[in-house]
Structures are given as structure tokens and as C-alpha cells.
Amino acid sequence: CTRAFLREAKLIRSTRIPRTIWVNRLVLSKGIEFLAS
């Protein structure tokens, strides 16, 4: 999450979806990895 906005700045600026999604997708992907473990 410390790089959530810096890593994909162009894509974030060009989309209109709520920006919280760029944090929540990291929480979800790591959560799926946890469930897989």
C-alpha cells in the first residue's frame, strides 16, 4: 500500500472508478494468498 498510488499513477489518473479500489485490491490479493496458505 505504500506504493499503491506511485506504481500506477497514469492508470489511476485516467480511470474514474473510486480510488479506494487501488488499496482494496492489494488487501484482497494478499488475503487470497493467505487463504491459499
PDB file of all heavy atoms in Angstrom:
ATOM      1  N   CYS A   1       0.820  -1.216   0.000  1.00  0.00           N
ATOM      2  CA  CYS A   1       0.000   0.000   0.000  1.00  0.00           C
ATOM      3  C   CYS A   1       0.851   1.263   0.000  1.00  0.00           C
ATOM      4  O   CYS A   1       0.386   2.322  -0.437  1.00  0.00           O
ATOM      5  CB  CYS A   1      -0.941   0.013   1.203  1.00  0.00           C
ATOM      6  SG  CYS A   1      -2.394  -1.056   1.011  1.00  0.00           S
ATOM      7  N   THR A   2       2.093   1.180   0.469  1.00  0.00           N
ATOM      8  CA  THR A   2       2.961   2.356   0.439  1.00  0.00           C
ATOM      9  C   THR A   2       3.300   2.768  -0.985  1.00  0.00           C
ATOM     10  O   THR A   2       3.728   3.897  -1.220  1.00  0.00           O
ATOM     11  CB  THR A   2       4.272   2.090   1.211  1.00  0.00           C
ATOM     12  OG1 THR A   2       4.984   1.004   0.594  1.00  0.00           O
ATOM     13  CG2 THR A   2       3.999   1.755   2.671  1.00  0.00           C
ATOM     14  N   ARG A   3       3.102   1.863  -1.946  1.00  0.00           N
ATOM     15  CA  ARG A   3       3.376   2.172  -3.360  1.00  0.00           C
ATOM     16  C   ARG A   3       2.105   2.090  -4.214  1.00  0.00           C
ATOM     17  O   ARG A   3       2.186   2.035  -5.434  1.00  0.00           O
ATOM     18  CB  ARG A   3       4.430   1.198  -3.905  1.00  0.00           C
ATOM     19  CG  ARG A   3       5.737   1.230  -3.155  1.00  0.00           C
ATOM     20  CD  ARG A   3       6.764   0.270  -3.746  1.00  0.00           C
ATOM     21  NE  ARG A   3       6.330  -1.126  -3.621  1.00  0.00           N
ATOM     22  CZ  ARG A   3       6.527  -1.881  -2.552  1.00  0.00           C
ATOM     23  NH1 ARG A   3       7.133  -1.371  -1.494  1.00  0.00           N
ATOM     24  NH2 ARG A   3       6.109  -3.123  -2.503  1.00  0.00           N
ATOM     25  N   ALA A   4       0.949   2.060  -3.556  1.00  0.00           N
ATOM     26  CA  ALA A   4      -0.313   1.853  -4.268  1.00  0.00           C
ATOM     27  C   ALA A   4      -0.579   2.919  -5.323  1.00  0.00           C
ATOM     28  O   ALA A   4      -1.052   2.614  -6.422  1.00  0.00           O
ATOM     29  CB  ALA A   4      -1.473   1.804  -3.267  1.00  0.00           C
ATOM     30  N   PHE A   5      -0.278   4.179  -5.019  1.00  0.00           N
ATOM     31  CA  PHE A   5      -0.542   5.266  -5.963  1.00  0.00           C
ATOM     32  C   PHE A   5       0.669   5.595  -6.833  1.00  0.00           C
ATOM     33  O   PHE A   5       0.507   6.103  -7.938  1.00  0.00           O
ATOM     34  CB  PHE A   5      -0.960   6.525  -5.208  1.00  0.00           C
ATOM     35  CG  PHE A   5      -2.327   6.428  -4.613  1.00  0.00           C
ATOM     36  CD1 PHE A   5      -2.537   6.697  -3.270  1.00  0.00           C
ATOM     37  CD2 PHE A   5      -3.409   6.060  -5.383  1.00  0.00           C
ATOM     38  CE1 PHE A   5      -3.800   6.607  -2.714  1.00  0.00           C
ATOM     39  CE2 PHE A   5      -4.675   5.957  -4.839  1.00  0.00           C
ATOM     40  CZ  PHE A   5      -4.872   6.232  -3.500  1.00  0.00           C
ATOM     41  N   LEU A   6       1.833   5.322  -6.352  1.00  0.00           N
ATOM     42  CA  LEU A   6       3.042   5.696  -7.084  1.00  0.00           C
ATOM     43  C   LEU A   6       3.352   4.710  -8.208  1.00  0.00           C
ATOM     44  O   LEU A   6       3.923   5.084  -9.231  1.00  0.00           O
ATOM     45  CB  LEU A   6       4.226   5.768  -6.115  1.00  0.00           C
ATOM     46  CG  LEU A   6       4.056   6.749  -4.946  1.00  0.00           C
ATOM     47  CD1 LEU A   6       5.237   6.652  -3.993  1.00  0.00           C
ATOM     48  CD2 LEU A   6       3.899   8.170  -5.462  1.00  0.00           C
ATOM     49  N   ARG A   7       2.982   3.462  -8.032  1.00  0.00           N
ATOM     50  CA  ARG A   7       3.337   2.428  -9.004  1.00  0.00           C
ATOM     51  C   ARG A   7       2.549   2.561 -10.296  1.00  0.00           C
ATOM     52  O   ARG A   7       3.073   2.311 -11.378  1.00  0.00           O
ATOM     53  CB  ARG A   7       3.108   1.048  -8.382  1.00  0.00           C
ATOM     54  CG  ARG A   7       3.519  -0.110  -9.280  1.00  0.00           C
ATOM     55  CD  ARG A   7       3.206  -1.438  -8.619  1.00  0.00           C
ATOM     56  NE  ARG A   7       3.990  -1.622  -7.400  1.00  0.00           N
ATOM     57  CZ  ARG A   7       3.785  -2.598  -6.532  1.00  0.00           C
ATOM     58  NH1 ARG A   7       2.806  -3.458  -6.717  1.00  0.00           N
ATOM     59  NH2 ARG A   7       4.548  -2.714  -5.467  1.00  0.00           N
ATOM     60  N   GLU A   8       1.280   2.948 -10.211  1.00  0.00           N
ATOM     61  CA  GLU A   8       0.430   3.006 -11.403  1.00  0.00           C
ATOM     62  C   GLU A   8      -0.270   4.360 -11.497  1.00  0.00           C
ATOM     63  O   GLU A   8      -1.484   4.440 -11.659  1.00  0.00           O
ATOM     64  CB  GLU A   8      -0.588   1.863 -11.363  1.00  0.00           C
ATOM     65  CG  GLU A   8       0.062   0.492 -11.376  1.00  0.00           C
ATOM     66  CD  GLU A   8      -0.954  -0.631 -11.433  1.00  0.00           C
ATOM     67  OE1 GLU A   8      -1.311  -1.030 -12.563  1.00  0.00           O
ATOM     68  OE2 GLU A   8      -1.382  -1.102 -10.373  1.00  0.00           O
ATOM     69  N   ALA A   9       0.516   5.408 -11.400  1.00  0.00           N
ATOM     70  CA  ALA A   9      -0.026   6.761 -11.352  1.00  0.00           C
ATOM     71  C   ALA A   9      -0.843   7.104 -12.611  1.00  0.00           C
ATOM     72  O   ALA A   9      -1.925   7.683 -12.515  1.00  0.00           O
ATOM     73  CB  ALA A   9       1.106   7.761 -11.166  1.00  0.00           C
ATOM     74  N   LYS A  10      -0.343   6.749 -13.787  1.00  0.00           N
ATOM     75  CA  LYS A  10      -1.035   7.096 -15.027  1.00  0.00           C
ATOM     76  C   LYS A  10      -2.395   6.427 -15.111  1.00  0.00           C
ATOM     77  O   LYS A  10      -3.394   7.045 -15.508  1.00  0.00           O
ATOM     78  CB  LYS A  10      -0.181   6.701 -16.241  1.00  0.00           C
ATOM     79  CG  LYS A  10       1.079   7.531 -16.406  1.00  0.00           C
ATOM     80  CD  LYS A  10       1.846   7.112 -17.654  1.00  0.00           C
ATOM     81  CE  LYS A  10       3.115   7.948 -17.814  1.00  0.00           C
ATOM     82  NZ  LYS A  10       3.897   7.541 -19.011  1.00  0.00           N
ATOM     83  N   LEU A  11      -2.452   5.159 -14.753  1.00  0.00           N
ATOM     84  CA  LEU A  11      -3.713   4.421 -14.805  1.00  0.00           C
ATOM     85  C   LEU A  11      -4.709   4.975 -13.793  1.00  0.00           C
ATOM     86  O   LEU A  11      -5.902   5.085 -14.081  1.00  0.00           O
ATOM     87  CB  LEU A  11      -3.448   2.932 -14.528  1.00  0.00           C
ATOM     88  CG  LEU A  11      -4.647   1.981 -14.646  1.00  0.00           C
ATOM     89  CD1 LEU A  11      -5.234   2.055 -16.044  1.00  0.00           C
ATOM     90  CD2 LEU A  11      -4.218   0.556 -14.313  1.00  0.00           C
ATOM     91  N   ILE A  12      -4.228   5.350 -12.627  1.00  0.00           N
ATOM     92  CA  ILE A  12      -5.109   5.889 -11.584  1.00  0.00           C
ATOM     93  C   ILE A  12      -5.714   7.212 -12.027  1.00  0.00           C
ATOM     94  O   ILE A  12      -6.898   7.480 -11.818  1.00  0.00           O
ATOM     95  CB  ILE A  12      -4.328   6.055 -10.270  1.00  0.00           C
ATOM     96  CG1 ILE A  12      -3.960   4.673  -9.708  1.00  0.00           C
ATOM     97  CG2 ILE A  12      -5.143   6.841  -9.244  1.00  0.00           C
ATOM     98  CD1 ILE A  12      -3.015   4.727  -8.538  1.00  0.00           C
ATOM     99  N   ARG A  13      -4.889   8.061 -12.662  1.00  0.00           N
ATOM    100  CA  ARG A  13      -5.392   9.365 -13.122  1.00  0.00           C
ATOM    101  C   ARG A  13      -6.390   9.223 -14.265  1.00  0.00           C
ATOM    102  O   ARG A  13      -7.277  10.062 -14.431  1.00  0.00           O
ATOM    103  CB  ARG A  13      -4.219  10.240 -13.572  1.00  0.00           C
ATOM    104  CG  ARG A  13      -3.373  10.787 -12.446  1.00  0.00           C
ATOM    105  CD  ARG A  13      -2.524  11.956 -12.941  1.00  0.00           C
ATOM    106  NE  ARG A  13      -1.691  11.549 -14.060  1.00  0.00           N
ATOM    107  CZ  ARG A  13      -0.427  11.138 -13.957  1.00  0.00           C
ATOM    108  NH1 ARG A  13       0.146  11.098 -12.760  1.00  0.00           N
ATOM    109  NH2 ARG A  13       0.268  10.796 -15.010  1.00  0.00           N
ATOM    110  N   SER A  14      -6.245   8.193 -15.082  1.00  0.00           N
ATOM    111  CA  SER A  14      -7.054   8.062 -16.294  1.00  0.00           C
ATOM    112  C   SER A  14      -8.358   7.297 -16.083  1.00  0.00           C
ATOM    113  O   SER A  14      -9.176   7.215 -16.995  1.00  0.00           O
ATOM    114  CB  SER A  14      -6.237   7.372 -17.393  1.00  0.00           C
ATOM    115  OG  SER A  14      -5.875   6.059 -16.994  1.00  0.00           O
ATOM    116  N   THR A  15      -8.560   6.712 -14.905  1.00  0.00           N
ATOM    117  CA  THR A  15      -9.789   5.964 -14.642  1.00  0.00           C
ATOM    118  C   THR A  15     -10.697   6.740 -13.701  1.00  0.00           C
ATOM    119  O   THR A  15     -10.234   7.581 -12.934  1.00  0.00           O
ATOM    120  CB  THR A  15      -9.471   4.594 -14.008  1.00  0.00           C
ATOM    121  OG1 THR A  15      -8.693   4.792 -12.827  1.00  0.00           O
ATOM    122  CG2 THR A  15      -8.702   3.716 -14.981  1.00  0.00           C
ATOM    123  N   ARG A  16     -11.985   6.424 -13.752  1.00  0.00           N
ATOM    124  CA  ARG A  16     -12.966   7.135 -12.943  1.00  0.00           C
ATOM    125  C   ARG A  16     -13.522   6.269 -11.817  1.00  0.00           C
ATOM    126  O   ARG A  16     -14.413   6.694 -11.095  1.00  0.00           O
ATOM    127  CB  ARG A  16     -14.109   7.633 -13.833  1.00  0.00           C
ATOM    128  CG  ARG A  16     -13.663   8.610 -14.921  1.00  0.00           C
ATOM    129  CD  ARG A  16     -14.836   9.089 -15.724  1.00  0.00           C
ATOM    130  NE  ARG A  16     -15.799   9.828 -14.912  1.00  0.00           N
ATOM    131  CZ  ARG A  16     -16.953  10.302 -15.363  1.00  0.00           C
ATOM    132  NH1 ARG A  16     -17.290  10.109 -16.633  1.00  0.00           N
ATOM    133  NH2 ARG A  16     -17.767  10.954 -14.571  1.00  0.00           N
ATOM    134  N   ILE A  17     -13.032   5.051 -11.688  1.00  0.00           N
ATOM    135  CA  ILE A  17     -13.506   4.194 -10.607  1.00  0.00           C
ATOM    136  C   ILE A  17     -13.022   4.751  -9.271  1.00  0.00           C
ATOM    137  O   ILE A  17     -11.987   5.432  -9.218  1.00  0.00           O
ATOM    138  CB  ILE A  17     -13.010   2.743 -10.785  1.00  0.00           C
ATOM    139  CG1 ILE A  17     -11.485   2.698 -10.918  1.00  0.00           C
ATOM    140  CG2 ILE A  17     -13.680   2.081 -11.958  1.00  0.00           C
ATOM    141  CD1 ILE A  17     -10.929   1.301 -11.034  1.00  0.00           C
ATOM    142  N   PRO A  18     -13.750   4.512  -8.188  1.00  0.00           N
ATOM    143  CA  PRO A  18     -13.325   5.018  -6.874  1.00  0.00           C
ATOM    144  C   PRO A  18     -11.887   4.613  -6.564  1.00  0.00           C
ATOM    145  O   PRO A  18     -11.507   3.456  -6.723  1.00  0.00           O
ATOM    146  CB  PRO A  18     -14.314   4.361  -5.908  1.00  0.00           C
ATOM    147  CG  PRO A  18     -15.528   4.101  -6.733  1.00  0.00           C
ATOM    148  CD  PRO A  18     -15.016   3.761  -8.103  1.00  0.00           C
ATOM    149  N   ARG A  19     -11.084   5.573  -6.128  1.00  0.00           N
ATOM    150  CA  ARG A  19      -9.651   5.314  -5.937  1.00  0.00           C
ATOM    151  C   ARG A  19      -9.354   4.385  -4.763  1.00  0.00           C
ATOM    152  O   ARG A  19      -8.256   3.859  -4.658  1.00  0.00           O
ATOM    153  CB  ARG A  19      -8.906   6.636  -5.747  1.00  0.00           C
ATOM    154  CG  ARG A  19      -8.411   7.244  -7.038  1.00  0.00           C
ATOM    155  CD  ARG A  19      -9.509   7.910  -7.824  1.00  0.00           C
ATOM    156  NE  ARG A  19      -9.084   8.343  -9.140  1.00  0.00           N
ATOM    157  CZ  ARG A  19      -9.786   9.199  -9.886  1.00  0.00           C
ATOM    158  NH1 ARG A  19     -10.926   9.688  -9.434  1.00  0.00           N
ATOM    159  NH2 ARG A  19      -9.351   9.535 -11.090  1.00  0.00           N
ATOM    160  N   THR A  20     -10.346   4.167  -3.880  1.00  0.00           N
ATOM    161  CA  THR A  20     -10.121   3.208  -2.791  1.00  0.00           C
ATOM    162  C   THR A  20      -9.845   1.809  -3.324  1.00  0.00           C
ATOM    163  O   THR A  20      -9.253   0.981  -2.628  1.00  0.00           O
ATOM    164  CB  THR A  20     -11.350   3.142  -1.867  1.00  0.00           C
ATOM    165  OG1 THR A  20     -12.515   2.831  -2.647  1.00  0.00           O
ATOM    166  CG2 THR A  20     -11.560   4.457  -1.131  1.00  0.00           C
ATOM    167  N   ILE A  21     -10.235   1.568  -4.559  1.00  0.00           N
ATOM    168  CA  ILE A  21     -10.054   0.246  -5.144  1.00  0.00           C
ATOM    169  C   ILE A  21      -8.574  -0.120  -5.285  1.00  0.00           C
ATOM    170  O   ILE A  21      -8.205  -1.294  -5.257  1.00  0.00           O
ATOM    171  CB  ILE A  21     -10.777   0.164  -6.513  1.00  0.00           C
ATOM    172  CG1 ILE A  21     -11.133  -1.279  -6.843  1.00  0.00           C
ATOM    173  CG2 ILE A  21      -9.929   0.771  -7.632  1.00  0.00           C
ATOM    174  CD1 ILE A  21     -12.075  -1.404  -8.030  1.00  0.00           C
ATOM    175  N   TRP A  22      -7.702   0.911  -5.396  1.00  0.00           N
ATOM    176  CA  TRP A  22      -6.283   0.641  -5.575  1.00  0.00           C
ATOM    177  C   TRP A  22      -5.631   0.163  -4.283  1.00  0.00           C
ATOM    178  O   TRP A  22      -4.560  -0.435  -4.307  1.00  0.00           O
ATOM    179  CB  TRP A  22      -5.572   1.885  -6.111  1.00  0.00           C
ATOM    180  CG  TRP A  22      -6.152   2.302  -7.424  1.00  0.00           C
ATOM    181  CD1 TRP A  22      -7.048   3.294  -7.659  1.00  0.00           C
ATOM    182  CD2 TRP A  22      -5.912   1.680  -8.696  1.00  0.00           C
ATOM    183  NE1 TRP A  22      -7.378   3.347  -8.991  1.00  0.00           N
ATOM    184  CE2 TRP A  22      -6.696   2.363  -9.648  1.00  0.00           C
ATOM    185  CE3 TRP A  22      -5.108   0.619  -9.115  1.00  0.00           C
ATOM    186  CZ2 TRP A  22      -6.707   2.020 -10.992  1.00  0.00           C
ATOM    187  CZ3 TRP A  22      -5.117   0.272 -10.456  1.00  0.00           C
ATOM    188  CH2 TRP A  22      -5.904   0.968 -11.375  1.00  0.00           C
ATOM    189  N   VAL A  23      -6.280   0.428  -3.173  1.00  0.00           N
ATOM    190  CA  VAL A  23      -5.846  -0.119  -1.888  1.00  0.00           C
ATOM    191  C   VAL A  23      -6.525  -1.459  -1.623  1.00  0.00           C
ATOM    192  O   VAL A  23      -5.880  -2.442  -1.261  1.00  0.00           O
ATOM    193  CB  VAL A  23      -6.147   0.864  -0.740  1.00  0.00           C
ATOM    194  CG1 VAL A  23      -5.916   0.208   0.620  1.00  0.00           C
ATOM    195  CG2 VAL A  23      -5.282   2.110  -0.867  1.00  0.00           C
ATOM    196  N   ASN A  24      -7.819  -1.500  -1.852  1.00  0.00           N
ATOM    197  CA  ASN A  24      -8.581  -2.710  -1.540  1.00  0.00           C
ATOM    198  C   ASN A  24      -8.171  -3.908  -2.385  1.00  0.00           C
ATOM    199  O   ASN A  24      -8.261  -5.047  -1.932  1.00  0.00           O
ATOM    200  CB  ASN A  24     -10.080  -2.437  -1.698  1.00  0.00           C
ATOM    201  CG  ASN A  24     -10.616  -1.513  -0.628  1.00  0.00           C
ATOM    202  OD1 ASN A  24     -10.073  -1.461   0.469  1.00  0.00           O
ATOM    203  ND2 ASN A  24     -11.671  -0.771  -0.930  1.00  0.00           N
ATOM    204  N   ARG A  25      -7.715  -3.675  -3.607  1.00  0.00           N
ATOM    205  CA  ARG A  25      -7.281  -4.810  -4.431  1.00  0.00           C
ATOM    206  C   ARG A  25      -6.019  -5.442  -3.857  1.00  0.00           C
ATOM    207  O   ARG A  25      -5.814  -6.653  -3.955  1.00  0.00           O
ATOM    208  CB  ARG A  25      -7.029  -4.365  -5.868  1.00  0.00           C
ATOM    209  CG  ARG A  25      -6.085  -3.174  -6.037  1.00  0.00           C
ATOM    210  CD  ARG A  25      -4.971  -3.454  -6.985  1.00  0.00           C
ATOM    211  NE  ARG A  25      -4.030  -2.343  -6.994  1.00  0.00           N
ATOM    212  CZ  ARG A  25      -2.894  -2.376  -7.666  1.00  0.00           C
ATOM    213  NH1 ARG A  25      -2.554  -3.434  -8.347  1.00  0.00           N
ATOM    214  NH2 ARG A  25      -2.069  -1.351  -7.611  1.00  0.00           N
ATOM    215  N   LEU A  26      -5.167  -4.648  -3.197  1.00  0.00           N
ATOM    216  CA  LEU A  26      -3.969  -5.206  -2.555  1.00  0.00           C
ATOM    217  C   LEU A  26      -4.352  -6.010  -1.316  1.00  0.00           C
ATOM    218  O   LEU A  26      -3.794  -7.079  -1.070  1.00  0.00           O
ATOM    219  CB  LEU A  26      -3.015  -4.077  -2.173  1.00  0.00           C
ATOM    220  CG  LEU A  26      -2.449  -3.259  -3.326  1.00  0.00           C
ATOM    221  CD1 LEU A  26      -1.647  -2.063  -2.810  1.00  0.00           C
ATOM    222  CD2 LEU A  26      -1.564  -4.130  -4.221  1.00  0.00           C
ATOM    223  N   VAL A  27      -5.308  -5.499  -0.561  1.00  0.00           N
ATOM    224  CA  VAL A  27      -5.797  -6.229   0.612  1.00  0.00           C
ATOM    225  C   VAL A  27      -6.410  -7.553   0.188  1.00  0.00           C
ATOM    226  O   VAL A  27      -6.163  -8.604   0.805  1.00  0.00           O
ATOM    227  CB  VAL A  27      -6.825  -5.380   1.390  1.00  0.00           C
ATOM    228  CG1 VAL A  27      -7.405  -6.172   2.558  1.00  0.00           C
ATOM    229  CG2 VAL A  27      -6.185  -4.084   1.877  1.00  0.00           C
ATOM    230  N   LEU A  28      -7.199  -7.517  -0.893  1.00  0.00           N
ATOM    231  CA  LEU A  28      -7.870  -8.730  -1.361  1.00  0.00           C
ATOM    232  C   LEU A  28      -6.882  -9.742  -1.924  1.00  0.00           C
ATOM    233  O   LEU A  28      -6.984 -10.940  -1.632  1.00  0.00           O
ATOM    234  CB  LEU A  28      -8.918  -8.361  -2.414  1.00  0.00           C
ATOM    235  CG  LEU A  28      -9.734  -9.531  -2.995  1.00  0.00           C
ATOM    236  CD1 LEU A  28     -10.453 -10.289  -1.885  1.00  0.00           C
ATOM    237  CD2 LEU A  28     -10.735  -9.022  -4.023  1.00  0.00           C
ATOM    238  N   SER A  29      -5.923  -9.304  -2.730  1.00  0.00           N
ATOM    239  CA  SER A  29      -4.972 -10.243  -3.331  1.00  0.00           C
ATOM    240  C   SER A  29      -4.114 -10.920  -2.269  1.00  0.00           C
ATOM    241  O   SER A  29      -3.871 -12.131  -2.325  1.00  0.00           O
ATOM    242  CB  SER A  29      -4.091  -9.535  -4.357  1.00  0.00           C
ATOM    243  OG  SER A  29      -3.295  -8.531  -3.751  1.00  0.00           O
ATOM    244  N   LYS A  30      -3.676 -10.152  -1.260  1.00  0.00           N
ATOM    245  CA  LYS A  30      -2.898 -10.750  -0.175  1.00  0.00           C
ATOM    246  C   LYS A  30      -3.783 -11.655   0.682  1.00  0.00           C
ATOM    247  O   LYS A  30      -3.318 -12.664   1.220  1.00  0.00           O
ATOM    248  CB  LYS A  30      -2.270  -9.663   0.690  1.00  0.00           C
ATOM    249  CG  LYS A  30      -1.127  -8.908   0.004  1.00  0.00           C
ATOM    250  CD  LYS A  30       0.040  -9.824  -0.288  1.00  0.00           C
ATOM    251  CE  LYS A  30       1.181  -9.074  -0.935  1.00  0.00           C
ATOM    252  NZ  LYS A  30       2.331  -9.958  -1.255  1.00  0.00           N
ATOM    253  N   GLY A  31      -5.058 -11.293   0.806  1.00  0.00           N
ATOM    254  CA  GLY A  31      -5.985 -12.140   1.541  1.00  0.00           C
ATOM    255  C   GLY A  31      -6.211 -13.470   0.851  1.00  0.00           C
ATOM    256  O   GLY A  31      -6.314 -14.516   1.514  1.00  0.00           O
ATOM    257  N   ILE A  32      -6.269 -13.455  -0.476  1.00  0.00           N
ATOM    258  CA  ILE A  32      -6.415 -14.704  -1.230  1.00  0.00           C
ATOM    259  C   ILE A  32      -5.178 -15.576  -1.053  1.00  0.00           C
ATOM    260  O   ILE A  32      -5.271 -16.806  -0.897  1.00  0.00           O
ATOM    261  CB  ILE A  32      -6.669 -14.396  -2.722  1.00  0.00           C
ATOM    262  CG1 ILE A  32      -8.062 -13.783  -2.890  1.00  0.00           C
ATOM    263  CG2 ILE A  32      -6.539 -15.667  -3.569  1.00  0.00           C
ATOM    264  CD1 ILE A  32      -8.352 -13.286  -4.292  1.00  0.00           C
ATOM    265  N   GLU A  33      -4.000 -14.965  -1.036  1.00  0.00           N
ATOM    266  CA  GLU A  33      -2.776 -15.718  -0.775  1.00  0.00           C
ATOM    267  C   GLU A  33      -2.809 -16.347   0.615  1.00  0.00           C
ATOM    268  O   GLU A  33      -2.364 -17.481   0.805  1.00  0.00           O
ATOM    269  CB  GLU A  33      -1.557 -14.801  -0.911  1.00  0.00           C
ATOM    270  CG  GLU A  33      -1.245 -14.405  -2.342  1.00  0.00           C
ATOM    271  CD  GLU A  33       0.020 -13.569  -2.437  1.00  0.00           C
ATOM    272  OE1 GLU A  33       0.565 -13.184  -1.375  1.00  0.00           O
ATOM    273  OE2 GLU A  33       0.451 -13.286  -3.563  1.00  0.00           O
ATOM    274  N   PHE A  34      -3.333 -15.599   1.585  1.00  0.00           N
ATOM    275  CA  PHE A  34      -3.456 -16.140   2.938  1.00  0.00           C
ATOM    276  C   PHE A  34      -4.377 -17.360   2.946  1.00  0.00           C
ATOM    277  O   PHE A  34      -4.041 -18.405   3.531  1.00  0.00           O
ATOM    278  CB  PHE A  34      -3.991 -15.075   3.884  1.00  0.00           C
ATOM    279  CG  PHE A  34      -4.508 -15.623   5.186  1.00  0.00           C
ATOM    280  CD1 PHE A  34      -3.635 -16.102   6.147  1.00  0.00           C
ATOM    281  CD2 PHE A  34      -5.876 -15.671   5.443  1.00  0.00           C
ATOM    282  CE1 PHE A  34      -4.106 -16.627   7.341  1.00  0.00           C
ATOM    283  CE2 PHE A  34      -6.349 -16.184   6.632  1.00  0.00           C
ATOM    284  CZ  PHE A  34      -5.466 -16.665   7.580  1.00  0.00           C
ATOM    285  N   LEU A  35      -5.540 -17.262   2.302  1.00  0.00           N
ATOM    286  CA  LEU A  35      -6.472 -18.382   2.255  1.00  0.00           C
ATOM    287  C   LEU A  35      -5.841 -19.591   1.567  1.00  0.00           C
ATOM    288  O   LEU A  35      -6.089 -20.739   1.955  1.00  0.00           O
ATOM    289  CB  LEU A  35      -7.750 -17.971   1.523  1.00  0.00           C
ATOM    290  CG  LEU A  35      -8.637 -16.946   2.239  1.00  0.00           C
ATOM    291  CD1 LEU A  35      -9.821 -16.562   1.365  1.00  0.00           C
ATOM    292  CD2 LEU A  35      -9.120 -17.487   3.577  1.00  0.00           C
ATOM    293  N   ALA A  36      -5.001 -19.322   0.555  1.00  0.00           N
ATOM    294  CA  ALA A  36      -4.322 -20.414  -0.143  1.00  0.00           C
ATOM    295  C   ALA A  36      -3.275 -21.094   0.734  1.00  0.00           C
ATOM    296  O   ALA A  36      -2.877 -22.237   0.462  1.00  0.00           O
ATOM    297  CB  ALA A  36      -3.668 -19.890  -1.425  1.00  0.00           C
ATOM    298  N   SER A  37      -2.820 -20.401   1.786  1.00  0.00           N
ATOM    299  CA  SER A  37      -1.805 -20.974   2.672  1.00  0.00           C
ATOM    300  C   SER A  37      -2.412 -21.710   3.862  1.00  0.00           C
ATOM    301  O   SER A  37      -1.707 -22.426   4.578  1.00  0.00           O
ATOM    302  CB  SER A  37      -0.874 -19.873   3.186  1.00  0.00           C
ATOM    303  OG  SER A  37      -1.551 -18.997   4.064  1.00  0.00           O
TER     304      SER A  37
END
